[in-house]
PDB file of N, CA and C in Angstrom:
ATOM      1  N   MET A   1    -181.124  -8.201 -66.204  1.00  0.00           N
ATOM      2  CA  MET A   1    -182.539  -8.494 -66.067  1.00  0.00           C
ATOM      3  C   MET A   1    -183.372  -7.320 -66.561  1.00  0.00           C
ATOM      4  N   THR A   2    -184.601  -7.626 -66.915  1.00  0.00           N
ATOM      5  CA  THR A   2    -185.526  -6.581 -67.344  1.00  0.00           C
ATOM      6  C   THR A   2    -186.327  -6.083 -66.138  1.00  0.00           C
ATOM      7  N   ILE A   3    -187.010  -4.987 -66.324  1.00  0.00           N
ATOM      8  CA  ILE A   3    -187.867  -4.460 -65.251  1.00  0.00           C
ATOM      9  C   ILE A   3    -188.937  -5.484 -64.897  1.00  0.00           C
ATOM     10  N   ALA A   4    -189.526  -6.112 -65.906  1.00  0.00           N
ATOM     11  CA  ALA A   4    -190.566  -7.122 -65.659  1.00  0.00           C
ATOM     12  C   ALA A   4    -189.989  -8.317 -64.906  1.00  0.00           C
ATOM     13  N   ALA A   5    -188.798  -8.745 -65.279  1.00  0.00           N
ATOM     14  CA  ALA A   5    -188.169  -9.880 -64.594  1.00  0.00           C
ATOM     15  C   ALA A   5    -187.863  -9.534 -63.142  1.00  0.00           C
ATOM     16  N   ASP A   6    -187.388  -8.331 -62.901  1.00  0.00           N
ATOM     17  CA  ASP A   6    -187.135  -7.891 -61.526  1.00  0.00           C
ATOM     18  C   ASP A   6    -188.431  -7.856 -60.714  1.00  0.00           C
ATOM     19  N   ALA A   7    -189.503  -7.358 -61.323  1.00  0.00           N
ATOM     20  CA  ALA A   7    -190.796  -7.291 -60.643  1.00  0.00           C
ATOM     21  C   ALA A   7    -191.320  -8.697 -60.344  1.00  0.00           C
ATOM     22  N   TYR A   8    -191.132  -9.619 -61.282  1.00  0.00           N
ATOM     23  CA  TYR A   8    -191.584 -10.993 -61.064  1.00  0.00           C
ATOM     24  C   TYR A   8    -190.777 -11.654 -59.950  1.00  0.00           C
ATOM     25  N   THR A   9    -189.478 -11.409 -59.924  1.00  0.00           N
ATOM     26  CA  THR A   9    -188.629 -11.961 -58.869  1.00  0.00           C
ATOM     27  C   THR A   9    -189.073 -11.447 -57.501  1.00  0.00           C
ATOM     28  N   ALA A  10    -189.387 -10.157 -57.422  1.00  0.00           N
ATOM     29  CA  ALA A  10    -189.863  -9.576 -56.158  1.00  0.00           C
ATOM     30  C   ALA A  10    -191.187 -10.217 -55.734  1.00  0.00           C
ATOM     31  N   LEU A  11    -192.085 -10.433 -56.688  1.00  0.00           N
ATOM     32  CA  LEU A  11    -193.368 -11.070 -56.390  1.00  0.00           C
ATOM     33  C   LEU A  11    -193.153 -12.510 -55.924  1.00  0.00           C
ATOM     34  N   GLN A  12    -192.339 -13.252 -56.633  1.00  0.00           N
ATOM     35  CA  GLN A  12    -192.062 -14.639 -56.255  1.00  0.00           C
ATOM     36  C   GLN A  12    -191.424 -14.718 -54.871  1.00  0.00           C
ATOM     37  N   ASP A  13    -190.505 -13.818 -54.587  1.00  0.00           N
ATOM     38  CA  ASP A  13    -189.858 -13.790 -53.283  1.00  0.00           C
ATOM     39  C   ASP A  13    -190.891 -13.543 -52.180  1.00  0.00           C
ATOM     40  N   ALA A  14    -191.771 -12.587 -52.391  1.00  0.00           N
ATOM     41  CA  ALA A  14    -192.819 -12.288 -51.401  1.00  0.00           C
ATOM     42  C   ALA A  14    -193.758 -13.468 -51.218  1.00  0.00           C
ATOM     43  N   MET A  15    -193.987 -14.224 -52.284  1.00  0.00           N
ATOM     44  CA  MET A  15    -194.891 -15.372 -52.195  1.00  0.00           C
ATOM     45  C   MET A  15    -194.287 -16.511 -51.377  1.00  0.00           C
ATOM     46  N   THR A  16    -192.981 -16.476 -51.123  1.00  0.00           N
ATOM     47  CA  THR A  16    -192.393 -17.493 -50.253  1.00  0.00           C
ATOM     48  C   THR A  16    -192.714 -17.199 -48.792  1.00  0.00           C
ATOM     49  N   ARG A  17    -193.077 -15.950 -48.507  1.00  0.00           N
ATOM     50  CA  ARG A  17    -193.400 -15.547 -47.134  1.00  0.00           C
ATOM     51  C   ARG A  17    -194.890 -15.349 -46.906  1.00  0.00           C
ATOM     52  N   THR A  18    -195.639 -15.116 -47.972  1.00  0.00           N
ATOM     53  CA  THR A  18    -197.077 -14.862 -47.885  1.00  0.00           C
ATOM     54  C   THR A  18    -197.771 -15.725 -48.925  1.00  0.00           C
ATOM     55  N   ASP A  19    -198.778 -16.443 -48.502  1.00  0.00           N
ATOM     56  CA  ASP A  19    -199.506 -17.330 -49.406  1.00  0.00           C
ATOM     57  C   ASP A  19    -200.780 -16.628 -49.869  1.00  0.00           C
ATOM     58  N   PRO A  20    -200.773 -16.046 -51.079  1.00  0.00           N
ATOM     59  CA  PRO A  20    -201.966 -15.322 -51.540  1.00  0.00           C
ATOM     60  C   PRO A  20    -203.129 -16.267 -51.828  1.00  0.00           C
ATOM     61  N   GLU A  21    -204.336 -15.741 -51.699  1.00  0.00           N
ATOM     62  CA  GLU A  21    -205.534 -16.556 -51.937  1.00  0.00           C
ATOM     63  C   GLU A  21    -205.617 -17.071 -53.372  1.00  0.00           C
ATOM     64  N   CYS A  22    -204.993 -16.387 -54.313  1.00  0.00           N
ATOM     65  CA  CYS A  22    -205.071 -16.803 -55.713  1.00  0.00           C
ATOM     66  C   CYS A  22    -204.261 -18.067 -55.997  1.00  0.00           C
ATOM     67  N   ARG A  23    -203.310 -18.363 -55.127  1.00  0.00           N
ATOM     68  CA  ARG A  23    -202.473 -19.547 -55.346  1.00  0.00           C
ATOM     69  C   ARG A  23    -203.368 -20.783 -55.387  1.00  0.00           C
ATOM     70  N   ASP A  24    -203.187 -21.573 -56.386  1.00  0.00           N
ATOM     71  CA  ASP A  24    -203.937 -22.815 -56.580  1.00  0.00           C
ATOM     72  C   ASP A  24    -205.434 -22.602 -56.821  1.00  0.00           C
ATOM     73  N   ASP A  25    -205.830 -21.379 -57.150  1.00  0.00           N
ATOM     74  CA  ASP A  25    -207.227 -21.096 -57.504  1.00  0.00           C
ATOM     75  C   ASP A  25    -207.287 -20.971 -59.027  1.00  0.00           C
ATOM     76  N   GLY A  26    -207.761 -22.000 -59.667  1.00  0.00           N
ATOM     77  CA  GLY A  26    -207.769 -22.074 -61.126  1.00  0.00           C
ATOM     78  C   GLY A  26    -208.526 -20.966 -61.828  1.00  0.00           C
ATOM     79  N   ARG A  27    -209.406 -20.286 -61.123  1.00  0.00           N
ATOM     80  CA  ARG A  27    -210.173 -19.200 -61.751  1.00  0.00           C
ATOM     81  C   ARG A  27    -209.257 -18.068 -62.219  1.00  0.00           C
ATOM     82  N   PHE A  28    -208.118 -17.910 -61.592  1.00  0.00           N
ATOM     83  CA  PHE A  28    -207.222 -16.809 -61.945  1.00  0.00           C
ATOM     84  C   PHE A  28    -206.472 -17.045 -63.254  1.00  0.00           C
ATOM     85  N   ILE A  29    -206.488 -18.261 -63.745  1.00  0.00           N
ATOM     86  CA  ILE A  29    -205.794 -18.531 -65.009  1.00  0.00           C
ATOM     87  C   ILE A  29    -206.749 -18.793 -66.169  1.00  0.00           C
ATOM     88  N   LEU A  30    -208.042 -18.859 -65.883  1.00  0.00           N
ATOM     89  CA  LEU A  30    -209.024 -19.087 -66.938  1.00  0.00           C
ATOM     90  C   LEU A  30    -209.296 -17.800 -67.711  1.00  0.00           C
ATOM     91  N   ASP A  31    -209.300 -17.896 -69.018  1.00  0.00           N
ATOM     92  CA  ASP A  31    -209.570 -16.717 -69.841  1.00  0.00           C
ATOM     93  C   ASP A  31    -211.048 -16.362 -69.898  1.00  0.00           C
ATOM     94  N   ASP A  32    -211.918 -17.288 -69.507  1.00  0.00           N
ATOM     95  CA  ASP A  32    -213.348 -16.992 -69.559  1.00  0.00           C
ATOM     96  C   ASP A  32    -213.897 -16.501 -68.218  1.00  0.00           C
ATOM     97  N   GLN A  33    -213.032 -16.354 -67.227  1.00  0.00           N
ATOM     98  CA  GLN A  33    -213.454 -15.856 -65.913  1.00  0.00           C
ATOM     99  C   GLN A  33    -213.335 -14.331 -65.904  1.00  0.00           C
ATOM    100  N   PRO A  34    -214.442 -13.606 -65.736  1.00  0.00           N
ATOM    101  CA  PRO A  34    -214.363 -12.143 -65.693  1.00  0.00           C
ATOM    102  C   PRO A  34    -213.507 -11.662 -64.520  1.00  0.00           C
ATOM    103  N   ALA A  35    -212.602 -10.770 -64.791  1.00  0.00           N
ATOM    104  CA  ALA A  35    -211.692 -10.267 -63.759  1.00  0.00           C
ATOM    105  C   ALA A  35    -212.437  -9.616 -62.607  1.00  0.00           C
ATOM    106  N   ASP A  36    -213.527  -8.944 -62.903  1.00  0.00           N
ATOM    107  CA  ASP A  36    -214.235  -8.241 -61.827  1.00  0.00           C
ATOM    108  C   ASP A  36    -214.846  -9.194 -60.806  1.00  0.00           C
ATOM    109  N   THR A  37    -215.033 -10.460 -61.174  1.00  0.00           N
ATOM    110  CA  THR A  37    -215.553 -11.428 -60.198  1.00  0.00           C
ATOM    111  C   THR A  37    -214.467 -11.890 -59.231  1.00  0.00           C
ATOM    112  N   LEU A  38    -213.196 -11.604 -59.548  1.00  0.00           N
ATOM    113  CA  LEU A  38    -212.074 -11.990 -58.692  1.00  0.00           C
ATOM    114  C   LEU A  38    -211.410 -10.800 -58.013  1.00  0.00           C
ATOM    115  N   ALA A  39    -211.735  -9.617 -58.447  1.00  0.00           N
ATOM    116  CA  ALA A  39    -211.071  -8.409 -57.951  1.00  0.00           C
ATOM    117  C   ALA A  39    -211.173  -8.267 -56.437  1.00  0.00           C
ATOM    118  N   TYR A  40    -212.284  -8.710 -55.853  1.00  0.00           N
ATOM    119  CA  TYR A  40    -212.440  -8.588 -54.395  1.00  0.00           C
ATOM    120  C   TYR A  40    -211.370  -9.382 -53.648  1.00  0.00           C
ATOM    121  N   ILE A  41    -210.903 -10.484 -54.222  1.00  0.00           N
ATOM    122  CA  ILE A  41    -209.833 -11.268 -53.608  1.00  0.00           C
ATOM    123  C   ILE A  41    -208.525 -10.486 -53.692  1.00  0.00           C
ATOM    124  N   CYS A  42    -208.263  -9.916 -54.842  1.00  0.00           N
ATOM    125  CA  CYS A  42    -207.028  -9.160 -55.048  1.00  0.00           C
ATOM    126  C   CYS A  42    -206.966  -7.911 -54.171  1.00  0.00           C
ATOM    127  N   GLU A  43    -208.096  -7.246 -54.013  1.00  0.00           N
ATOM    128  CA  GLU A  43    -208.120  -5.989 -53.265  1.00  0.00           C
ATOM    129  C   GLU A  43    -207.648  -6.138 -51.830  1.00  0.00           C
ATOM    130  N   ARG A  44    -207.838  -7.299 -51.247  1.00  0.00           N
ATOM    131  CA  ARG A  44    -207.417  -7.487 -49.854  1.00  0.00           C
ATOM    132  C   ARG A  44    -206.092  -8.256 -49.733  1.00  0.00           C
ATOM    133  N   CYS A  45    -205.453  -8.517 -50.847  1.00  0.00           N
ATOM    134  CA  CYS A  45    -204.202  -9.273 -50.849  1.00  0.00           C
ATOM    135  C   CYS A  45    -203.021  -8.368 -50.478  1.00  0.00           C
ATOM    136  N   PRO A  46    -202.171  -8.815 -49.567  1.00  0.00           N
ATOM    137  CA  PRO A  46    -201.007  -8.012 -49.196  1.00  0.00           C
ATOM    138  C   PRO A  46    -199.958  -7.913 -50.309  1.00  0.00           C
ATOM    139  N   LEU A  47    -200.093  -8.708 -51.352  1.00  0.00           N
ATOM    140  CA  LEU A  47    -199.127  -8.697 -52.453  1.00  0.00           C
ATOM    141  C   LEU A  47    -199.627  -7.931 -53.673  1.00  0.00           C
ATOM    142  N   ILE A  48    -200.752  -7.254 -53.561  1.00  0.00           N
ATOM    143  CA  ILE A  48    -201.360  -6.613 -54.731  1.00  0.00           C
ATOM    144  C   ILE A  48    -200.411  -5.613 -55.400  1.00  0.00           C
ATOM    145  N   ASP A  49    -199.664  -4.854 -54.629  1.00  0.00           N
ATOM    146  CA  ASP A  49    -198.764  -3.867 -55.248  1.00  0.00           C
ATOM    147  C   ASP A  49    -197.657  -4.547 -56.054  1.00  0.00           C
ATOM    148  N   LEU A  50    -197.107  -5.631 -55.532  1.00  0.00           N
ATOM    149  CA  LEU A  50    -196.075  -6.363 -56.271  1.00  0.00           C
ATOM    150  C   LEU A  50    -196.658  -7.034 -57.504  1.00  0.00           C
ATOM    151  N   CYS A  51    -197.849  -7.578 -57.363  1.00  0.00           N
ATOM    152  CA  CYS A  51    -198.537  -8.219 -58.484  1.00  0.00           C
ATOM    153  C   CYS A  51    -198.831  -7.191 -59.574  1.00  0.00           C
ATOM    154  N   ARG A  52    -199.336  -6.043 -59.176  1.00  0.00           N
ATOM    155  CA  ARG A  52    -199.648  -4.974 -60.127  1.00  0.00           C
ATOM    156  C   ARG A  52    -198.379  -4.468 -60.827  1.00  0.00           C
ATOM    157  N   ALA A  53    -197.292  -4.323 -60.078  1.00  0.00           N
ATOM    158  CA  ALA A  53    -196.031  -3.846 -60.668  1.00  0.00           C
ATOM    159  C   ALA A  53    -195.544  -4.811 -61.749  1.00  0.00           C
ATOM    160  N   TYR A  54    -195.625  -6.104 -61.468  1.00  0.00           N
ATOM    161  CA  TYR A  54    -195.232  -7.087 -62.470  1.00  0.00           C
ATOM    162  C   TYR A  54    -196.155  -7.021 -63.686  1.00  0.00           C
ATOM    163  N   ALA A  55    -197.448  -7.059 -63.442  1.00  0.00           N
ATOM    164  CA  ALA A  55    -198.410  -7.093 -64.544  1.00  0.00           C
ATOM    165  C   ALA A  55    -198.328  -5.839 -65.406  1.00  0.00           C
ATOM    166  N   ALA A  56    -198.105  -4.699 -64.797  1.00  0.00           N
ATOM    167  CA  ALA A  56    -198.033  -3.446 -65.554  1.00  0.00           C
ATOM    168  C   ALA A  56    -196.818  -3.399 -66.471  1.00  0.00           C
ATOM    169  N   THR A  57    -195.742  -4.078 -66.100  1.00  0.00           N
ATOM    170  CA  THR A  57    -194.542  -4.077 -66.944  1.00  0.00           C
ATOM    171  C   THR A  57    -194.532  -5.231 -67.940  1.00  0.00           C
ATOM    172  N   GLU A  58    -194.993  -6.391 -67.527  1.00  0.00           N
ATOM    173  CA  GLU A  58    -194.969  -7.574 -68.401  1.00  0.00           C
ATOM    174  C   GLU A  58    -196.195  -7.666 -69.295  1.00  0.00           C
ATOM    175  N   ARG A  59    -197.342  -7.165 -68.806  1.00  0.00           N
ATOM    176  CA  ARG A  59    -198.607  -7.255 -69.540  1.00  0.00           C
ATOM    177  C   ARG A  59    -198.891  -8.716 -69.933  1.00  0.00           C
ATOM    178  N   PRO A  60    -199.036  -9.612 -68.931  1.00  0.00           N
ATOM    179  CA  PRO A  60    -199.260 -11.027 -69.234  1.00  0.00           C
ATOM    180  C   PRO A  60    -200.487 -11.230 -70.105  1.00  0.00           C
ATOM    181  N   SER A  61    -200.381 -12.165 -71.036  1.00  0.00           N
ATOM    182  CA  SER A  61    -201.452 -12.373 -72.012  1.00  0.00           C
ATOM    183  C   SER A  61    -202.610 -13.194 -71.466  1.00  0.00           C
ATOM    184  N   GLY A  62    -202.468 -13.759 -70.295  1.00  0.00           N
ATOM    185  CA  GLY A  62    -203.550 -14.551 -69.739  1.00  0.00           C
ATOM    186  C   GLY A  62    -203.659 -14.391 -68.243  1.00  0.00           C
ATOM    187  N   GLY A  63    -204.800 -14.743 -67.731  1.00  0.00           N
ATOM    188  CA  GLY A  63    -205.012 -14.722 -66.302  1.00  0.00           C
ATOM    189  C   GLY A  63    -205.397 -13.366 -65.745  1.00  0.00           C
ATOM    190  N   VAL A  64    -205.710 -13.393 -64.458  1.00  0.00           N
ATOM    191  CA  VAL A  64    -206.066 -12.179 -63.728  1.00  0.00           C
ATOM    192  C   VAL A  64    -204.918 -11.850 -62.797  1.00  0.00           C
ATOM    193  N   TRP A  65    -204.440 -10.618 -62.889  1.00  0.00           N
ATOM    194  CA  TRP A  65    -203.316 -10.141 -62.080  1.00  0.00           C
ATOM    195  C   TRP A  65    -203.742  -8.851 -61.401  1.00  0.00           C
ATOM    196  N   ALA A  66    -203.633  -8.798 -60.087  1.00  0.00           N
ATOM    197  CA  ALA A  66    -203.993  -7.601 -59.312  1.00  0.00           C
ATOM    198  C   ALA A  66    -205.414  -7.126 -59.647  1.00  0.00           C
ATOM    199  N   GLY A  67    -206.291  -8.070 -59.871  1.00  0.00           N
ATOM    200  CA  GLY A  67    -207.693  -7.744 -60.070  1.00  0.00           C
ATOM    201  C   GLY A  67    -208.116  -7.364 -61.474  1.00  0.00           C
ATOM    202  N   ARG A  68    -207.231  -7.539 -62.443  1.00  0.00           N
ATOM    203  CA  ARG A  68    -207.624  -7.221 -63.823  1.00  0.00           C
ATOM    204  C   ARG A  68    -206.827  -8.039 -64.831  1.00  0.00           C
ATOM    205  N   ARG A  69    -207.232  -7.951 -66.069  1.00  0.00           N
ATOM    206  CA  ARG A  69    -206.479  -8.582 -67.169  1.00  0.00           C
ATOM    207  C   ARG A  69    -205.552  -7.526 -67.764  1.00  0.00           C
ATOM    208  N   TRP A  70    -204.374  -7.936 -68.142  1.00  0.00           N
ATOM    209  CA  TRP A  70    -203.352  -6.991 -68.581  1.00  0.00           C
ATOM    210  C   TRP A  70    -202.851  -7.280 -69.989  1.00  0.00           C
ATOM    211  N   ALA A  71    -203.589  -7.987 -70.798  1.00  0.00           N
ATOM    212  CA  ALA A  71    -203.123  -8.347 -72.135  1.00  0.00           C
ATOM    213  C   ALA A  71    -202.713  -7.108 -72.918  1.00  0.00           C
ATOM    214  N   LYS A  72    -201.727  -7.297 -73.760  1.00  0.00           N
ATOM    215  CA  LYS A  72    -201.254  -6.191 -74.597  1.00  0.00           C
ATOM    216  C   LYS A  72    -202.356  -5.706 -75.514  1.00  0.00           C
ATOM    217  N   THR A  73    -202.362  -4.431 -75.770  1.00  0.00           N
ATOM    218  CA  THR A  73    -203.317  -3.877 -76.719  1.00  0.00           C
ATOM    219  C   THR A  73    -202.873  -4.226 -78.129  1.00  0.00           C
ATOM    220  N   LEU A  74    -203.751  -4.083 -79.080  1.00  0.00           N
ATOM    221  CA  LEU A  74    -203.426  -4.372 -80.467  1.00  0.00           C
ATOM    222  C   LEU A  74    -202.235  -3.539 -80.917  1.00  0.00           C
ATOM    223  N   LYS A  75    -202.183  -2.269 -80.532  1.00  0.00           N
ATOM    224  CA  LYS A  75    -201.068  -1.401 -80.905  1.00  0.00           C
ATOM    225  C   LYS A  75    -199.758  -1.912 -80.321  1.00  0.00           C
ATOM    226  N   GLU A  76    -199.759  -2.334 -79.065  1.00  0.00           N
ATOM    227  CA  GLU A  76    -198.545  -2.860 -78.438  1.00  0.00           C
ATOM    228  C   GLU A  76    -198.092  -4.135 -79.112  1.00  0.00           C
ATOM    229  N   LYS A  77    -199.025  -4.993 -79.513  1.00  0.00           N
ATOM    230  CA  LYS A  77    -198.664  -6.244 -80.175  1.00  0.00           C
ATOM    231  C   LYS A  77    -197.937  -5.986 -81.491  1.00  0.00           C
ATOM    232  N   HIS A  78    -198.369  -4.960 -82.209  1.00  0.00           N
ATOM    233  CA  HIS A  78    -197.738  -4.649 -83.494  1.00  0.00           C
ATOM    234  C   HIS A  78    -196.377  -3.984 -83.324  1.00  0.00           C
ATOM    235  N   ASN A  79    -196.102  -3.426 -82.163  1.00  0.00           N
ATOM    236  CA  ASN A  79    -194.819  -2.771 -81.920  1.00  0.00           C
ATOM    237  C   ASN A  79    -193.776  -3.714 -81.347  1.00  0.00           C
ATOM    238  N   ASP A  80    -194.146  -4.954 -81.049  1.00  0.00           N
ATOM    239  CA  ASP A  80    -193.188  -5.922 -80.478  1.00  0.00           C
ATOM    240  C   ASP A  80    -192.192  -6.391 -81.520  1.00  0.00           C
TER     241      ASP A  80
END
């Protein structure tokens, strides 16, 4: 497994025990929703550290993770 896959597995496992507010909230997957309008939800989430660990390694191209967008930079995209 990769570091990102391990981080995602840890996040998914935690989500079986804790239901984060972002679950089933479509605003977290919309690309036109500013991350700062959702950050207050993430800041009080008990899973924020696991979410951030996954997002920092995977750099998902869409959605809001741990209160921010993590899309790859142009330089990272060219190095893939």
